[in-house]
Protein backbone atom coordinates (compact mmCIF):
# COMPACT_ATOMS: atom_id res chain seq x y z
CA MET A 1 39.24 10.32 -0.68
CA ALA A 2 35.98 12.31 -0.66
CA PHE A 3 32.51 10.76 -0.73
CA THR A 4 30.68 11.84 -3.91
CA LEU A 5 27.20 11.67 -5.41
CA ARG A 6 28.77 10.12 -8.50
CA GLN A 7 29.79 7.09 -6.47
CA VAL A 8 26.31 6.75 -5.03
CA ARG A 9 24.59 7.07 -8.42
CA TYR A 10 26.86 4.50 -10.04
CA PHE A 11 26.39 2.11 -7.12
CA VAL A 12 22.59 2.37 -7.29
CA ALA A 13 22.57 1.93 -11.07
CA THR A 14 24.64 -1.26 -10.74
CA ALA A 15 22.55 -2.59 -7.87
CA GLU A 16 19.33 -2.15 -9.83
CA VAL A 17 20.43 -3.90 -13.02
CA GLY A 18 22.93 -6.35 -11.51
CA GLN A 19 25.60 -5.75 -14.17
CA ILE A 20 28.33 -3.15 -14.52
CA SER A 21 28.12 -3.26 -18.32
CA GLN A 22 24.37 -2.52 -18.37
CA ALA A 23 24.73 0.15 -15.68
CA ALA A 24 27.40 1.85 -17.80
CA ILE A 25 25.10 1.80 -20.84
CA ASN A 26 22.22 3.29 -18.82
CA LEU A 27 24.51 5.99 -17.43
CA HIS A 28 26.17 6.70 -20.80
CA ILE A 29 29.66 6.24 -19.35
CA SER A 30 32.44 3.65 -19.52
CA GLN A 31 32.46 0.41 -17.56
CA SER A 32 35.78 1.39 -16.00
CA ALA A 33 34.20 4.56 -14.56
CA VAL A 34 31.49 2.49 -12.86
CA THR A 35 34.02 -0.05 -11.57
CA SER A 36 36.27 2.69 -10.17
CA ALA A 37 33.37 4.46 -8.43
CA ILE A 38 32.24 1.24 -6.75
CA GLN A 39 35.78 0.41 -5.65
CA GLU A 40 36.20 3.92 -4.24
CA LEU A 41 32.92 3.57 -2.34
CA GLU A 42 33.90 0.18 -0.95
CA GLY A 43 37.20 1.66 0.19
CA LEU A 44 35.46 4.53 1.97
CA LEU A 45 32.94 2.23 3.66
CA GLY A 46 35.47 -0.46 4.45
CA ALA A 47 33.19 -3.22 3.19
CA SER A 48 32.45 -5.15 0.00
CA LEU A 49 29.16 -4.02 -1.53
CA PHE A 50 28.96 -6.66 -4.25
CA THR A 51 29.90 -10.27 -4.86
CA ARG A 52 31.22 -10.61 -8.39
CA THR A 53 29.84 -13.68 -10.19
CA ALA A 54 29.63 -14.95 -13.77
CA GLN A 55 25.96 -13.87 -13.80
CA GLY A 56 26.68 -10.35 -12.62
CA MET A 57 26.95 -8.25 -9.48
CA LEU A 58 25.12 -9.54 -6.40
CA LEU A 59 24.69 -7.28 -3.39
CA THR A 60 26.29 -8.40 -0.16
CA ASP A 61 24.53 -7.86 3.19
CA SER A 62 26.50 -4.61 3.51
CA GLY A 63 25.47 -3.67 -0.02
CA ARG A 64 21.78 -4.21 0.68
CA HIS A 65 22.06 -2.16 3.86
CA PHE A 66 23.83 0.70 2.07
CA LEU A 67 21.36 0.64 -0.85
CA ASN A 68 18.58 1.96 1.40
CA HIS A 69 20.82 4.85 2.49
CA ALA A 70 21.84 5.49 -1.12
CA TYR A 71 18.20 5.86 -2.18
CA SER A 72 17.65 8.33 0.67
CA ILE A 73 20.72 10.36 -0.34
CA LEU A 74 19.65 10.65 -3.98
CA ARG A 75 16.05 11.44 -3.03
CA SER A 76 17.19 14.21 -0.67
CA VAL A 77 19.40 15.77 -3.36
CA GLU A 78 16.56 15.66 -5.88
CA ASP A 79 14.22 17.25 -3.35
CA ALA A 80 16.69 20.03 -2.64
CA LEU A 81 17.03 20.84 -6.33
CA ASN A 82 13.35 20.68 -7.21
CA SER A 83 11.54 21.86 -4.11
CA PRO A 84 9.41 25.00 -4.45
CA LEU A 85 9.68 27.63 -1.73
CA PRO A 86 6.83 27.15 0.75
CA ASP A 87 4.67 29.71 2.52
CA THR A 88 5.61 28.74 6.06
CA HIS A 89 2.93 30.98 7.58
CA ILE A 90 0.13 28.49 6.80
CA SER A 91 -1.44 27.13 9.99
CA GLY A 92 -4.47 25.15 11.06
CA SER A 93 -5.50 21.51 10.81
CA LEU A 94 -6.17 19.22 7.88
CA SER A 95 -7.85 15.81 7.82
CA VAL A 96 -6.23 13.65 5.13
CA ALA A 97 -7.25 10.17 4.02
CA ALA A 98 -5.14 7.78 1.96
CA SER A 99 -5.45 4.26 0.64
CA TYR A 100 -3.10 1.44 1.68
CA THR A 101 -0.76 1.62 -1.31
CA VAL A 102 -0.45 5.39 -1.13
CA MET A 103 0.13 5.38 2.62
CA GLY A 104 2.73 2.62 2.47
CA TYR A 105 4.71 3.47 -0.65
CA PHE A 106 4.25 7.16 -1.42
CA LEU A 107 2.94 9.46 1.30
CA PRO A 108 5.37 9.18 4.28
CA HIS A 109 8.22 10.95 2.48
CA HIS A 110 5.93 13.83 1.51
CA LEU A 111 4.39 14.06 4.97
CA GLN A 112 7.87 14.65 6.36
CA ARG A 113 8.49 17.45 3.86
CA LEU A 114 5.08 19.00 4.53
CA ALA A 115 5.79 19.03 8.27
CA GLN A 116 9.08 20.82 7.66
CA TRP A 117 7.52 23.35 5.31
CA TYR A 118 4.39 24.05 7.31
CA PRO A 119 5.24 23.61 11.00
CA GLY A 120 1.95 25.29 11.91
CA LEU A 121 -0.14 22.81 9.91
CA ARG A 122 -1.46 19.84 11.90
CA MET A 123 -2.41 16.88 9.74
CA HIS A 124 -4.73 14.13 10.92
CA LEU A 125 -4.13 10.99 8.86
CA HIS A 126 -6.54 8.17 8.08
CA GLU A 127 -5.82 4.98 6.11
CA GLN A 128 -9.03 3.74 4.51
CA GLU A 129 -10.44 1.77 1.60
CA ARG A 130 -11.47 3.75 -1.47
CA VAL A 131 -15.22 3.44 -0.74
CA ASP A 132 -14.76 4.81 2.79
CA ILE A 133 -12.53 7.62 1.53
CA GLU A 134 -15.15 8.74 -0.98
CA ARG A 135 -17.86 8.61 1.65
CA GLY A 136 -15.68 10.54 4.12
CA LEU A 137 -14.93 13.28 1.58
CA LEU A 138 -18.60 13.73 0.79
CA ASP A 139 -19.77 13.85 4.41
CA GLY A 140 -16.96 16.20 5.48
CA HIS A 141 -15.09 13.72 7.68
CA TYR A 142 -12.02 14.10 5.45
CA GLU A 143 -10.96 17.30 3.70
CA MET A 144 -8.37 15.93 1.26
CA ALA A 145 -7.32 12.48 0.11
CA VAL A 146 -4.37 10.97 -1.70
CA VAL A 147 -5.64 8.02 -3.69
CA LEU A 148 -5.40 5.87 -6.80
CA THR A 149 -7.43 8.24 -8.95
CA GLY A 150 -8.31 5.59 -11.52
CA ASN A 151 -10.40 3.79 -8.88
CA LEU A 152 -12.62 6.76 -7.99
CA THR A 153 -16.31 6.36 -8.89
CA GLU A 154 -18.22 9.22 -7.20
CA ALA A 155 -18.98 12.11 -9.60
CA ARG A 156 -19.17 14.64 -6.75
CA ILE A 157 -15.48 14.13 -5.99
CA ALA A 158 -12.89 16.22 -7.82
CA SER A 159 -9.52 14.66 -8.51
CA GLU A 160 -6.15 15.64 -9.89
CA THR A 161 -3.66 13.00 -11.03
CA LEU A 162 -0.09 13.76 -9.97
CA PHE A 163 1.73 10.94 -11.74
CA SER A 164 1.19 7.55 -13.34
CA SER A 165 3.22 4.50 -12.36
CA THR A 166 3.81 1.94 -15.11
CA ARG A 167 2.73 -1.63 -14.45
CA ARG A 168 5.31 -4.25 -15.45
CA LEU A 169 5.82 -7.98 -15.18
CA TRP A 170 7.76 -9.05 -12.07
CA LEU A 171 10.03 -12.08 -12.49
CA PRO A 172 12.61 -13.95 -10.43
CA ALA A 173 16.21 -13.63 -11.56
CA ARG A 174 17.09 -15.59 -14.74
CA HIS A 175 13.47 -16.48 -15.53
CA PRO A 176 13.02 -17.90 -19.08
CA LEU A 177 10.70 -15.04 -20.07
CA SER A 178 13.48 -12.52 -19.41
CA GLU A 179 15.38 -13.99 -22.37
CA ARG A 180 12.61 -13.13 -24.86
CA SER A 181 12.61 -10.00 -26.96
CA ALA A 182 8.85 -9.48 -26.49
CA VAL A 183 6.49 -10.77 -23.79
CA GLY A 184 2.70 -10.43 -23.79
CA LEU A 185 -0.17 -11.44 -21.54
CA ALA A 186 -0.54 -14.71 -23.48
CA ASP A 187 2.97 -15.65 -22.34
CA VAL A 188 2.25 -14.60 -18.76
CA ALA A 189 -0.99 -16.65 -18.73
CA LYS A 190 1.09 -19.84 -18.96
CA GLN A 191 2.94 -19.00 -15.74
CA PRO A 192 1.77 -19.44 -12.13
CA TYR A 193 0.46 -16.01 -11.15
CA ILE A 194 0.40 -14.14 -7.82
CA LEU A 195 -2.58 -11.76 -7.70
CA LEU A 196 -2.40 -8.74 -5.39
CA THR A 197 -5.83 -7.75 -4.08
CA VAL A 198 -5.18 -4.70 -1.89
CA ASP A 199 -6.51 -1.31 -3.10
CA GLU A 200 -8.74 -3.07 -5.64
CA ALA A 201 -5.65 -4.29 -7.49
CA GLY A 202 -7.40 -7.57 -8.24
CA GLN A 203 -10.33 -5.88 -10.00
CA SER A 204 -8.01 -3.53 -11.89
CA SER A 205 -5.83 -6.35 -13.19
CA LEU A 206 -8.74 -8.56 -14.18
CA ARG A 207 -10.10 -5.73 -16.36
CA TYR A 208 -7.05 -5.66 -18.61
CA TRP A 209 -6.76 -9.44 -18.54
CA GLN A 210 -10.35 -9.73 -19.76
CA ALA A 211 -9.77 -7.09 -22.44
CA SER A 212 -6.87 -9.15 -23.78
CA GLY A 213 -8.93 -12.34 -23.96
CA GLN A 214 -6.46 -14.08 -21.65
CA GLU A 215 -6.80 -15.36 -18.10
CA PRO A 216 -4.06 -15.60 -15.47
CA ARG A 217 -3.35 -18.94 -13.78
CA VAL A 218 -3.73 -17.58 -10.25
CA ILE A 219 -2.15 -19.70 -7.52
CA LEU A 220 -2.52 -17.13 -4.74
CA ARG A 221 -4.60 -14.04 -4.00
CA THR A 222 -3.01 -11.88 -1.31
CA SER A 223 -3.32 -8.37 0.11
CA SER A 224 0.40 -8.33 0.99
CA VAL A 225 2.85 -6.72 -1.43
CA GLU A 226 5.70 -8.30 0.51
CA ALA A 227 4.16 -11.76 0.03
CA VAL A 228 4.03 -11.14 -3.72
CA ARG A 229 7.62 -9.89 -3.66
CA SER A 230 8.91 -12.94 -1.79
CA MET A 231 7.00 -15.50 -3.85
CA VAL A 232 8.16 -13.97 -7.11
CA ALA A 233 11.78 -13.75 -5.92
CA ASN A 234 11.65 -17.38 -4.76
CA GLY A 235 10.40 -18.54 -8.17
CA SER A 236 6.89 -19.53 -7.08
CA GLY A 237 5.20 -17.37 -9.72
CA VAL A 238 5.09 -14.04 -11.52
CA ALA A 239 3.03 -10.88 -11.02
CA ILE A 240 2.16 -7.61 -12.74
CA LEU A 241 2.50 -4.61 -10.44
CA SER A 242 3.37 -0.94 -10.70
CA ASP A 243 6.81 0.63 -10.42
CA LEU A 244 5.62 2.51 -7.32
CA VAL A 245 5.75 -0.65 -5.20
CA TYR A 246 8.73 -2.25 -6.98
CA ARG A 247 11.96 -2.93 -5.15
CA PRO A 248 14.75 -4.98 -6.73
CA TRP A 249 15.13 -7.27 -3.70
CA SER A 250 12.82 -9.39 -1.57
CA LEU A 251 13.06 -9.48 2.22
CA GLU A 252 15.21 -12.61 1.83
CA GLY A 253 17.66 -10.67 -0.34
CA LYS A 254 16.71 -12.38 -3.60
CA ARG A 255 16.53 -10.36 -6.80
CA ILE A 256 13.33 -9.40 -8.63
CA GLU A 257 13.47 -8.31 -12.25
CA THR A 258 10.86 -6.48 -14.33
CA LEU A 259 9.80 -6.57 -17.98
CA SER A 260 7.57 -4.24 -19.98
CA LEU A 261 4.70 -6.04 -21.69
CA VAL A 262 3.75 -5.60 -25.34
CA ASP A 263 0.03 -5.74 -24.53
CA PRO A 264 -1.69 -2.56 -23.25
CA VAL A 265 -1.65 -2.56 -19.46
CA PRO A 266 -2.92 0.68 -17.85
CA SER A 267 -0.64 2.56 -15.48
CA MET A 268 -1.57 3.11 -11.84
CA SER A 269 -2.42 6.80 -11.32
CA VAL A 270 -1.85 8.55 -7.99
CA GLY A 271 -3.35 11.91 -7.14
CA LEU A 272 -5.45 14.15 -4.91
CA ALA A 273 -9.19 14.07 -4.30
CA TRP A 274 -11.66 16.36 -2.54
CA CYS A 275 -15.37 17.16 -2.56
CA ARG A 276 -16.35 19.45 -5.45
CA GLU A 277 -18.96 21.23 -3.33
CA ARG A 278 -16.53 22.17 -0.59
CA GLU A 279 -14.70 25.50 -0.54
CA LEU A 280 -10.99 24.85 -0.21
CA THR A 281 -9.52 26.20 3.04
CA PRO A 282 -6.01 27.75 3.19
CA ALA A 283 -4.74 24.44 4.61
CA MET A 284 -6.32 22.47 1.74
CA LEU A 285 -4.89 24.90 -0.81
CA ALA A 286 -1.42 24.63 0.72
CA PHE A 287 -1.60 20.83 0.65
CA ARG A 288 -2.73 20.85 -2.96
CA GLU A 289 -0.16 23.45 -4.02
CA TYR A 290 2.69 21.44 -2.47
CA PHE A 291 1.85 18.41 -4.60
CA ARG A 292 1.13 20.50 -7.70
CA GLN A 293 4.55 22.13 -7.43
CA SER A 294 6.29 18.84 -6.68
CA PHE A 295 4.73 16.87 -9.54
CA LEU A 296 2.87 19.07 -12.01
CA ALA A 297 4.92 22.27 -12.12
CA PRO A 298 8.08 20.57 -13.50
CA GLN A 299 5.98 19.00 -16.28
CA LEU A 300 4.36 22.33 -17.18
CA SER A 301 7.74 24.07 -17.18
CA SER A 302 9.17 21.40 -19.47
CA THR A 303 6.20 21.73 -21.83
CA ARG A 304 6.64 25.51 -22.06
CA ARG A 305 10.32 25.10 -22.91
C-alpha cells in the first residue's frame, strides 16, 4: 500500500480536533474515509497512532512523534506549490534582527528556504527586544528586522505586515468554558489566568483587557511559552495567545484546546521593518521580495481574481 498525502492530511486533522467526526466535517468528507486513512497509515507505520476513547481520539507516543513529521510533510508540499522562483545570483551579507517570538516560532523555516534560494547570501542573525531592534535599525547595526509590527513605535522605521495571527483562548481539554456557545473576556476574568510577558505580550494583552472593562485574575507572569502551555494543559489556568505559538499538545503530551472570543481581541501582526532613510541594498531587496512573494503575492493574486 502506498503512502499518500491524503492519509497525512486526515491524520493531522484528527489529531488537531481529537475526534474523527469533527475532522470529517472540517474536511468535508465521510467519517469512514477518515477512519480508513488512519488505519492505512497505522498499517504502513506498524504502530497505533491513536487510542480510541469515549471522549475521542488521543494520540499515542508514536502518534505524537509522527505528528511532527506530518506537519513537516504538509509544510514542504505547500512550499513546493506556492514558492516563487528565486534569483539565485544574489550575493553579499545581510544583518537581520528578530524578536523572541518571531525567532522561535516563525523565522527558522524561512531561513532554511532563504539559504537554499540564495546560497551566496550570508545572513547574520540577532535576537533582540523590540527597543534594541528599533535602535539597531536606526543606527545601521541591523539592515532588516522581522518583528511584531504592532509593537513598533519609532516613526523613522518603515514596516510591512506579512500576516496577522488570531489570538484565542487556550483551555485544557474538557474545560467548562468549552461547552458554552459564546465566551467573552468577562467569562475569562473569572478563571485563573497565565500571563505571557515575552515580546511585550503582557502590555499588549492588558490594553484589550482594559478596553473591555475587565481584569484578568493573573496567577503567574512568565516569559516562557512552554510554561504557559504546560500550565494550561495541566488545568492550572487559561491564557489568551496567538495561533502562531499554538500547538495542540503540551510537552507532557496533554491536550490544549482553543476558543474564539466574542469580545474584540487584536491579532498579532508579523512583518518586516527597516530604516526609512536607508537605501535598500540588493540583499535587502531580495530578503523583502522573498517574504512579499511568500505572504503578500498570494493575497494580491486572490484579490485580482
